[in-house]
Amino acid sequence: MNDVPVGGKMVRLYEPRLEDFWFRKEFMSDIETMSYNHAWGGTIPFPESEWPRWYDHWILCHDGKRFYRYLIKQESDEFIGEIAYHFDGERKIWLADIIVASLYRGRGYGTQGLALLCGEAVKNGIDVLRDLRFDYVQRHVQVAAQRHERRKVRARARVDCNGAQLE
C-alpha cells in the first residue's frame, strides 16, 4: 500500500477530512515547525473559516493539478506532517511540498514522505517535481542518499524517486 518503514516504524498517507484540518491549523501556527518559512513571514494563519474552501480546492476539486495528504505514523495513527504537489501554470512546472511537524523531525519521516510523494506523482503521470525551498530538499535528499544508497547527490539534487525526478 502506501506504507514505508522508518527505523522499524511505518508511515502512511492519509487523505484528510475537513474536520482533520485542526492539525494543519496547529502546525501552520507553530513557530518551530514553520521556522523554514521565517524569511517569508514564518507562521501562516489557517482559520477554520478557510477550511471548506481549501478542502474543496485541494481535496475535492483538484482537477488533476493538485495532490495533498497527511503523513501518519502507522503504529499510532498520529498526524505528523503533510505532503503535496501542484502544477504552477505560470512556470509550467510541478512543485512539491513537504512539512513535518517539528516534534517529529530528525526521525526519517520526511525522507519517507518524500518517497511517498514521488510515488504518488509517478502514479499520476508526473515525472518531475521541483521544490522552491531547494536547500531543504537538497539536504533532505542528500541524507537519504547517504543513509540508503551511499551515493552522492549531484549539485542540482536531481534524484530518481521511483521514476519521478525531484529537482
Foldseek 3Di string as FASTA:
>chain_A
DQWDDFPNWIKGWAADDLVVCVVVQVQLQDQQQQVLCVVVPGHDHDDSVCSVVVCCCAPVPVVLFKHKTFMATVVPRDTFWMKMWGADVVVRAIEIDITGRPVPPPRCSRVSVVLSNCVVCVVSPAAEYEYPSQVVVQVSLQVCCCVPPVDGAPPSRFDQRVRHTYD
